[in-house]
Amino acid sequence: MATRLRKSRRQRGSRYCGWGQIGQHRQAGSRGGIGGAGKHKHLWNRTIMEEPEHFGHDAFNSFNRNLVQRWLNIGDLDSVFASHGKVEKDGKVILDLSSLKYDKLLGGGRIKGAFAVKIAKISRSAKEKIESAGGEVILDE
């Protein structure tokens, strides 16, 4: 239908647009508020019957999640070792990532040397790559 033939176009300027004489369909007083207003007050019975799970939160949402804030890929171990690594007397190359505030070691990239890495969390692929290169993983709890 063309816009010019619609009922709303005919009713423009008619003050009430087809909703009666005394200001009907204007405010939301007859509905008890706009939208979800009053669900905790005067519409509480309807809330309990129709949406009992409306208020509250999911019980499985842990507020003490251990989020990984900083991580490092295996391909970047050489550059980190150049500035922060140390070599012991027996020739063992140790890289303490926990003291550098890294939370997890990921397996992206290729490892070039044998490192003994100290870290709190490590991915399965990163652990396999380190051990296949002759290094070791020291889990720091």
C-alpha atoms as a PDB file:
ATOM      1  CA  MET A   1       0.000   0.000   0.000  1.00  0.00           C
ATOM      2  CA  ALA A   2       1.244   3.462  -0.803  1.00  0.00           C
ATOM      3  CA  THR A   3       2.251   5.604   2.140  1.00  0.00           C
ATOM      4  CA  ARG A   4      -0.100   8.406   1.162  1.00  0.00           C
ATOM      5  CA  LEU A   5      -3.105   6.055   1.499  1.00  0.00           C
ATOM      6  CA  ARG A   6      -2.341   4.861   5.009  1.00  0.00           C
ATOM      7  CA  LYS A   7      -4.651   5.623   7.883  1.00  0.00           C
ATOM      8  CA  SER A   8      -1.903   7.343   9.854  1.00  0.00           C
ATOM      9  CA  ARG A   9      -1.461   9.876   7.047  1.00  0.00           C
ATOM     10  CA  ARG A  10      -5.183  10.714   7.076  1.00  0.00           C
ATOM     11  CA  GLN A  11      -5.184  11.190  10.835  1.00  0.00           C
ATOM     12  CA  ARG A  12      -2.263  13.614  11.076  1.00  0.00           C
ATOM     13  CA  GLY A  13      -3.446  16.830  12.715  1.00  0.00           C
ATOM     14  CA  SER A  14      -6.571  15.267  14.166  1.00  0.00           C
ATOM     15  CA  ARG A  15      -5.339  15.612  17.785  1.00  0.00           C
ATOM     16  CA  TYR A  16      -6.117  12.024  18.916  1.00  0.00           C
ATOM     17  CA  CYS A  17      -5.299   9.913  15.829  1.00  0.00           C
ATOM     18  CA  GLY A  18      -8.112   7.480  16.426  1.00  0.00           C
ATOM     19  CA  TRP A  19      -7.552   6.805  20.149  1.00  0.00           C
ATOM     20  CA  GLY A  20     -10.684   8.425  21.517  1.00  0.00           C
ATOM     21  CA  GLN A  21     -11.577  11.746  22.973  1.00  0.00           C
ATOM     22  CA  ILE A  22      -9.794  12.256  26.276  1.00  0.00           C
ATOM     23  CA  GLY A  23      -6.078  11.523  25.837  1.00  0.00           C
ATOM     24  CA  GLN A  24      -6.088   7.759  25.647  1.00  0.00           C
ATOM     25  CA  HIS A  25      -2.992   5.906  24.447  1.00  0.00           C
ATOM     26  CA  ARG A  26      -0.688   8.639  25.590  1.00  0.00           C
ATOM     27  CA  GLN A  27       1.034   7.865  28.870  1.00  0.00           C
ATOM     28  CA  ALA A  28       1.614   4.456  30.470  1.00  0.00           C
ATOM     29  CA  GLY A  29      -0.419   4.898  33.656  1.00  0.00           C
ATOM     30  CA  SER A  30      -2.996   2.296  32.739  1.00  0.00           C
ATOM     31  CA  ARG A  31      -0.270  -0.299  32.177  1.00  0.00           C
ATOM     32  CA  GLY A  32       1.522   0.301  35.456  1.00  0.00           C
ATOM     33  CA  GLY A  33       4.608   1.762  33.839  1.00  0.00           C
ATOM     34  CA  ILE A  34       6.578   1.548  30.617  1.00  0.00           C
ATOM     35  CA  GLY A  35       8.332  -1.701  29.732  1.00  0.00           C
ATOM     36  CA  GLY A  36       9.462  -3.835  32.664  1.00  0.00           C
ATOM     37  CA  ALA A  37       8.758  -1.181  35.302  1.00  0.00           C
ATOM     38  CA  GLY A  38       7.290  -2.441  38.559  1.00  0.00           C
ATOM     39  CA  LYS A  39       8.534  -6.016  38.358  1.00  0.00           C
ATOM     40  CA  HIS A  40      10.033  -5.658  41.842  1.00  0.00           C
ATOM     41  CA  LYS A  41       7.064  -3.665  43.165  1.00  0.00           C
ATOM     42  CA  HIS A  42       3.430  -3.639  42.032  1.00  0.00           C
ATOM     43  CA  LEU A  43       3.803  -6.244  39.240  1.00  0.00           C
ATOM     44  CA  TRP A  44       5.560  -8.759  41.523  1.00  0.00           C
ATOM     45  CA  ASN A  45       2.876 -11.486  41.324  1.00  0.00           C
ATOM     46  CA  ARG A  46       2.999 -11.480  37.539  1.00  0.00           C
ATOM     47  CA  THR A  47       6.817 -11.639  37.675  1.00  0.00           C
ATOM     48  CA  ILE A  48       6.765 -14.684  39.975  1.00  0.00           C
ATOM     49  CA  MET A  49       4.181 -16.528  37.864  1.00  0.00           C
ATOM     50  CA  GLU A  50       5.432 -15.712  34.361  1.00  0.00           C
ATOM     51  CA  GLU A  51       9.211 -15.259  34.791  1.00  0.00           C
ATOM     52  CA  PRO A  52      10.392 -16.837  38.057  1.00  0.00           C
ATOM     53  CA  GLU A  53      14.044 -16.730  36.903  1.00  0.00           C
ATOM     54  CA  HIS A  54      14.006 -13.012  36.053  1.00  0.00           C
ATOM     55  CA  PHE A  55      15.971 -11.792  39.071  1.00  0.00           C
ATOM     56  CA  GLY A  56      19.231 -13.273  40.338  1.00  0.00           C
ATOM     57  CA  HIS A  57      22.232 -14.693  38.531  1.00  0.00           C
ATOM     58  CA  ASP A  58      23.525 -17.957  37.149  1.00  0.00           C
ATOM     59  CA  ALA A  59      24.844 -20.162  39.950  1.00  0.00           C
ATOM     60  CA  PHE A  60      27.635 -21.526  37.750  1.00  0.00           C
ATOM     61  CA  ASN A  61      29.181 -18.119  37.087  1.00  0.00           C
ATOM     62  CA  SER A  62      32.236 -18.129  39.318  1.00  0.00           C
ATOM     63  CA  PHE A  63      33.188 -14.699  40.601  1.00  0.00           C
ATOM     64  CA  ASN A  64      36.678 -15.938  41.436  1.00  0.00           C
ATOM     65  CA  ARG A  65      37.661 -16.983  37.935  1.00  0.00           C
ATOM     66  CA  ASN A  66      41.331 -17.431  37.320  1.00  0.00           C
ATOM     67  CA  LEU A  67      41.722 -15.387  34.166  1.00  0.00           C
ATOM     68  CA  VAL A  68      44.890 -15.492  32.118  1.00  0.00           C
ATOM     69  CA  GLN A  69      46.030 -11.894  31.972  1.00  0.00           C
ATOM     70  CA  ARG A  70      49.451 -12.261  30.321  1.00  0.00           C
ATOM     71  CA  TRP A  71      50.631 -15.078  28.079  1.00  0.00           C
ATOM     72  CA  LEU A  72      53.614 -15.824  25.898  1.00  0.00           C
ATOM     73  CA  ASN A  73      54.130 -17.963  22.815  1.00  0.00           C
ATOM     74  CA  ILE A  74      56.985 -20.413  22.442  1.00  0.00           C
ATOM     75  CA  GLY A  75      58.285 -18.525  19.415  1.00  0.00           C
ATOM     76  CA  ASP A  76      59.066 -15.534  21.665  1.00  0.00           C
ATOM     77  CA  LEU A  77      61.164 -17.436  24.232  1.00  0.00           C
ATOM     78  CA  ASP A  78      64.482 -16.499  22.599  1.00  0.00           C
ATOM     79  CA  SER A  79      63.846 -12.753  22.828  1.00  0.00           C
ATOM     80  CA  VAL A  80      62.686 -13.049  26.448  1.00  0.00           C
ATOM     81  CA  PHE A  81      65.730 -15.172  27.317  1.00  0.00           C
ATOM     82  CA  ALA A  82      68.061 -12.582  25.796  1.00  0.00           C
ATOM     83  CA  SER A  83      66.948 -10.008  28.341  1.00  0.00           C
ATOM     84  CA  HIS A  84      65.828 -12.054  31.368  1.00  0.00           C
ATOM     85  CA  GLY A  85      67.234 -15.597  31.145  1.00  0.00           C
ATOM     86  CA  LYS A  86      70.117 -17.128  33.073  1.00  0.00           C
ATOM     87  CA  VAL A  87      72.485 -20.058  32.563  1.00  0.00           C
ATOM     88  CA  GLU A  88      73.457 -22.245  35.518  1.00  0.00           C
ATOM     89  CA  LYS A  89      76.902 -23.749  36.070  1.00  0.00           C
ATOM     90  CA  ASP A  90      75.952 -27.096  34.545  1.00  0.00           C
ATOM     91  CA  GLY A  91      74.868 -25.364  31.323  1.00  0.00           C
ATOM     92  CA  LYS A  92      71.139 -25.567  32.019  1.00  0.00           C
ATOM     93  CA  VAL A  93      69.219 -22.642  30.528  1.00  0.00           C
ATOM     94  CA  ILE A  94      66.537 -21.452  32.970  1.00  0.00           C
ATOM     95  CA  LEU A  95      63.793 -19.008  32.141  1.00  0.00           C
ATOM     96  CA  ASP A  96      61.505 -18.011  35.042  1.00  0.00           C
ATOM     97  CA  LEU A  97      58.348 -16.662  33.397  1.00  0.00           C
ATOM     98  CA  SER A  98      56.391 -16.552  36.673  1.00  0.00           C
ATOM     99  CA  SER A  99      58.682 -13.870  38.053  1.00  0.00           C
ATOM    100  CA  LEU A 100      58.135 -11.905  34.832  1.00  0.00           C
ATOM    101  CA  LYS A 101      54.363 -11.940  35.561  1.00  0.00           C
ATOM    102  CA  TYR A 102      53.402 -14.300  32.718  1.00  0.00           C
ATOM    103  CA  ASP A 103      50.417 -16.513  33.523  1.00  0.00           C
ATOM    104  CA  LYS A 104      50.516 -19.066  30.717  1.00  0.00           C
ATOM    105  CA  LEU A 105      52.825 -20.362  28.006  1.00  0.00           C
ATOM    106  CA  LEU A 106      51.184 -21.126  24.650  1.00  0.00           C
ATOM    107  CA  GLY A 107      52.453 -23.282  21.801  1.00  0.00           C
ATOM    108  CA  GLY A 108      52.534 -20.770  18.952  1.00  0.00           C
ATOM    109  CA  GLY A 109      55.725 -20.687  16.907  1.00  0.00           C
ATOM    110  CA  ARG A 110      58.853 -22.849  16.929  1.00  0.00           C
ATOM    111  CA  ILE A 111      61.324 -23.327  19.734  1.00  0.00           C
ATOM    112  CA  LYS A 112      64.993 -22.930  18.825  1.00  0.00           C
ATOM    113  CA  GLY A 113      66.807 -24.028  21.987  1.00  0.00           C
ATOM    114  CA  ALA A 114      66.400 -26.281  25.005  1.00  0.00           C
ATOM    115  CA  PHE A 115      64.950 -24.241  27.871  1.00  0.00           C
ATOM    116  CA  ALA A 116      63.934 -25.112  31.401  1.00  0.00           C
ATOM    117  CA  VAL A 117      60.813 -22.991  31.736  1.00  0.00           C
ATOM    118  CA  LYS A 118      59.181 -22.136  35.061  1.00  0.00           C
ATOM    119  CA  ILE A 119      55.511 -21.159  34.589  1.00  0.00           C
ATOM    120  CA  ALA A 120      52.160 -21.616  36.361  1.00  0.00           C
ATOM    121  CA  LYS A 121      50.134 -22.829  33.346  1.00  0.00           C
ATOM    122  CA  ILE A 122      51.161 -24.293  30.027  1.00  0.00           C
ATOM    123  CA  SER A 123      49.263 -25.579  27.016  1.00  0.00           C
ATOM    124  CA  ARG A 124      49.611 -29.188  25.901  1.00  0.00           C
ATOM    125  CA  SER A 125      51.256 -28.284  22.589  1.00  0.00           C
ATOM    126  CA  ALA A 126      53.763 -25.976  24.276  1.00  0.00           C
ATOM    127  CA  LYS A 127      54.749 -28.699  26.719  1.00  0.00           C
ATOM    128  CA  GLU A 128      55.244 -31.211  23.886  1.00  0.00           C
ATOM    129  CA  LYS A 129      57.401 -28.772  21.902  1.00  0.00           C
ATOM    130  CA  ILE A 130      59.635 -27.939  24.868  1.00  0.00           C
ATOM    131  CA  GLU A 131      60.158 -31.582  25.772  1.00  0.00           C
ATOM    132  CA  SER A 132      60.833 -32.607  22.175  1.00  0.00           C
ATOM    133  CA  ALA A 133      63.530 -29.888  21.955  1.00  0.00           C
ATOM    134  CA  GLY A 134      65.262 -31.314  25.039  1.00  0.00           C
ATOM    135  CA  GLY A 135      63.991 -28.814  27.597  1.00  0.00           C
ATOM    136  CA  GLU A 136      61.843 -29.245  30.672  1.00  0.00           C
ATOM    137  CA  VAL A 137      58.798 -27.633  32.215  1.00  0.00           C
ATOM    138  CA  ILE A 138      58.754 -26.642  35.897  1.00  0.00           C
ATOM    139  CA  LEU A 139      55.197 -25.951  37.032  1.00  0.00           C
ATOM    140  CA  ASP A 140      55.038 -23.099  39.529  1.00  0.00           C
ATOM    141  CA  GLU A 141      51.903 -23.470  41.633  1.00  0.00           C
END
